[in-house]
Amino acid sequence: MKLLKDNWCVGEKLRIFKHSLERNSMEFPQFLTEKQVSLMTKQSQKTLQQHRWKNTGIPFHKFGRTVRYSEEDVLQYMKNCRVETEIA
């Protein structure tokens, strides 16, 4: 397995996506940590923190002092970042 920043491996990233496909729609929503979202979006944790402070970027939840991102919100954000190009 290829190691990524902070000892995360490609297998862990794939496990997150696989788990999201296997979930039953009747279950509770899946929440992701800042580190997991950073890996998925290729944005640094510092960038995510700045977006929260500026009230921009991906919507987030606070449970006490803990910050979590809804998997659904992260995937929607990634879809909305798509840029359509013209064919020359």
C-alpha atoms as a PDB file:
ATOM      1  CA  MET A   1       0.000   0.000   0.000  1.00  0.00           C
ATOM      2  CA  LYS A   2       1.225   3.461  -0.867  1.00  0.00           C
ATOM      3  CA  LEU A   3       1.540   5.661   2.211  1.00  0.00           C
ATOM      4  CA  LEU A   4       0.158   9.181   2.136  1.00  0.00           C
ATOM      5  CA  LYS A   5       0.654  12.155   4.439  1.00  0.00           C
ATOM      6  CA  ASP A   6       0.162  11.383   8.164  1.00  0.00           C
ATOM      7  CA  ASN A   7       0.484   7.597   7.587  1.00  0.00           C
ATOM      8  CA  TRP A   8      -2.872   7.353   5.792  1.00  0.00           C
ATOM      9  CA  CYS A   9      -2.821   4.820   3.016  1.00  0.00           C
ATOM     10  CA  VAL A  10      -4.669   4.543  -0.266  1.00  0.00           C
ATOM     11  CA  GLY A  11      -6.508   1.508   1.129  1.00  0.00           C
ATOM     12  CA  GLU A  12      -8.060   3.616   3.896  1.00  0.00           C
ATOM     13  CA  LYS A  13      -9.285   6.181   1.371  1.00  0.00           C
ATOM     14  CA  LEU A  14     -10.848   3.441  -0.742  1.00  0.00           C
ATOM     15  CA  ARG A  15     -12.451   1.941   2.365  1.00  0.00           C
ATOM     16  CA  ILE A  16     -14.256   5.254   3.005  1.00  0.00           C
ATOM     17  CA  PHE A  17     -15.737   5.270  -0.500  1.00  0.00           C
ATOM     18  CA  LYS A  18     -16.603   1.558  -0.401  1.00  0.00           C
ATOM     19  CA  HIS A  19     -18.352   2.005   2.937  1.00  0.00           C
ATOM     20  CA  SER A  20     -20.449   4.852   1.527  1.00  0.00           C
ATOM     21  CA  LEU A  21     -21.655   2.608  -1.304  1.00  0.00           C
ATOM     22  CA  GLU A  22     -22.581  -0.229   1.048  1.00  0.00           C
ATOM     23  CA  ARG A  23     -24.607   1.902   3.468  1.00  0.00           C
ATOM     24  CA  ASN A  24     -28.320   1.434   3.722  1.00  0.00           C
ATOM     25  CA  SER A  25     -30.265   4.683   3.239  1.00  0.00           C
ATOM     26  CA  MET A  26     -32.124   4.034   6.531  1.00  0.00           C
ATOM     27  CA  GLU A  27     -28.929   4.396   8.597  1.00  0.00           C
ATOM     28  CA  PHE A  28     -27.674   7.535  10.291  1.00  0.00           C
ATOM     29  CA  PRO A  29     -25.618   9.887   8.133  1.00  0.00           C
ATOM     30  CA  GLN A  30     -21.887   9.223   7.934  1.00  0.00           C
ATOM     31  CA  PHE A  31     -19.675  11.924   9.441  1.00  0.00           C
ATOM     32  CA  LEU A  32     -16.052  12.448   8.442  1.00  0.00           C
ATOM     33  CA  THR A  33     -13.133  13.971  10.303  1.00  0.00           C
ATOM     34  CA  GLU A  34     -11.167  16.950   9.049  1.00  0.00           C
ATOM     35  CA  LYS A  35      -8.307  14.609   8.116  1.00  0.00           C
ATOM     36  CA  GLN A  36     -10.592  12.360   6.054  1.00  0.00           C
ATOM     37  CA  VAL A  37     -12.094  15.343   4.214  1.00  0.00           C
ATOM     38  CA  SER A  38      -8.609  16.704   3.575  1.00  0.00           C
ATOM     39  CA  LEU A  39      -7.636  13.428   1.899  1.00  0.00           C
ATOM     40  CA  MET A  40     -10.814  13.292  -0.183  1.00  0.00           C
ATOM     41  CA  THR A  41     -10.715  16.884  -1.422  1.00  0.00           C
ATOM     42  CA  LYS A  42      -6.921  17.337  -1.596  1.00  0.00           C
ATOM     43  CA  GLN A  43      -7.296  20.499   0.520  1.00  0.00           C
ATOM     44  CA  SER A  44      -5.036  20.962   3.497  1.00  0.00           C
ATOM     45  CA  GLN A  45      -6.477  20.824   6.988  1.00  0.00           C
ATOM     46  CA  LYS A  46      -5.424  24.457   7.415  1.00  0.00           C
ATOM     47  CA  THR A  47      -7.489  25.422   4.342  1.00  0.00           C
ATOM     48  CA  LEU A  48     -10.530  23.627   5.777  1.00  0.00           C
ATOM     49  CA  GLN A  49     -10.018  25.482   9.066  1.00  0.00           C
ATOM     50  CA  GLN A  50      -9.810  28.819   7.264  1.00  0.00           C
ATOM     51  CA  HIS A  51     -12.976  28.044   5.291  1.00  0.00           C
ATOM     52  CA  ARG A  52     -14.818  27.317   8.537  1.00  0.00           C
ATOM     53  CA  TRP A  53     -13.566  30.568  10.072  1.00  0.00           C
ATOM     54  CA  LYS A  54     -14.659  32.552   6.961  1.00  0.00           C
ATOM     55  CA  ASN A  55     -17.974  30.647   6.727  1.00  0.00           C
ATOM     56  CA  THR A  56     -17.165  29.401   3.203  1.00  0.00           C
ATOM     57  CA  GLY A  57     -16.449  26.003   1.683  1.00  0.00           C
ATOM     58  CA  ILE A  58     -17.985  22.745   2.838  1.00  0.00           C
ATOM     59  CA  PRO A  59     -20.817  22.881   5.413  1.00  0.00           C
ATOM     60  CA  PHE A  60     -19.791  21.370   8.751  1.00  0.00           C
ATOM     61  CA  HIS A  61     -21.240  20.256  12.087  1.00  0.00           C
ATOM     62  CA  LYS A  62     -19.941  21.014  15.559  1.00  0.00           C
ATOM     63  CA  PHE A  63     -20.570  18.532  18.345  1.00  0.00           C
ATOM     64  CA  GLY A  64     -19.199  20.386  21.342  1.00  0.00           C
ATOM     65  CA  ARG A  65     -15.652  21.251  20.244  1.00  0.00           C
ATOM     66  CA  THR A  66     -15.526  18.434  17.687  1.00  0.00           C
ATOM     67  CA  VAL A  67     -15.869  19.343  13.996  1.00  0.00           C
ATOM     68  CA  ARG A  68     -17.328  16.804  11.579  1.00  0.00           C
ATOM     69  CA  TYR A  69     -18.375  16.929   7.947  1.00  0.00           C
ATOM     70  CA  SER A  70     -21.358  15.073   6.522  1.00  0.00           C
ATOM     71  CA  GLU A  71     -20.221  12.676   3.823  1.00  0.00           C
ATOM     72  CA  GLU A  72     -23.182  13.765   1.704  1.00  0.00           C
ATOM     73  CA  ASP A  73     -22.158  17.451   2.005  1.00  0.00           C
ATOM     74  CA  VAL A  74     -18.562  16.678   1.032  1.00  0.00           C
ATOM     75  CA  LEU A  75     -19.601  14.697  -2.052  1.00  0.00           C
ATOM     76  CA  GLN A  76     -22.060  17.453  -3.061  1.00  0.00           C
ATOM     77  CA  TYR A  77     -19.331  20.081  -2.646  1.00  0.00           C
ATOM     78  CA  MET A  78     -17.019  18.023  -4.859  1.00  0.00           C
ATOM     79  CA  LYS A  79     -19.739  17.728  -7.525  1.00  0.00           C
ATOM     80  CA  ASN A  80     -20.349  21.496  -7.416  1.00  0.00           C
ATOM     81  CA  CYS A  81     -16.630  22.165  -8.031  1.00  0.00           C
ATOM     82  CA  ARG A  82     -16.836  20.605 -11.481  1.00  0.00           C
ATOM     83  CA  VAL A  83     -15.920  22.990 -14.292  1.00  0.00           C
ATOM     84  CA  GLU A  84     -17.449  22.525 -17.738  1.00  0.00           C
ATOM     85  CA  THR A  85     -15.059  23.300 -20.576  1.00  0.00           C
ATOM     86  CA  GLU A  86     -15.770  24.067 -24.190  1.00  0.00           C
ATOM     87  CA  ILE A  87     -14.485  21.767 -26.892  1.00  0.00           C
ATOM     88  CA  ALA A  88     -12.331  23.786 -29.282  1.00  0.00           C
END
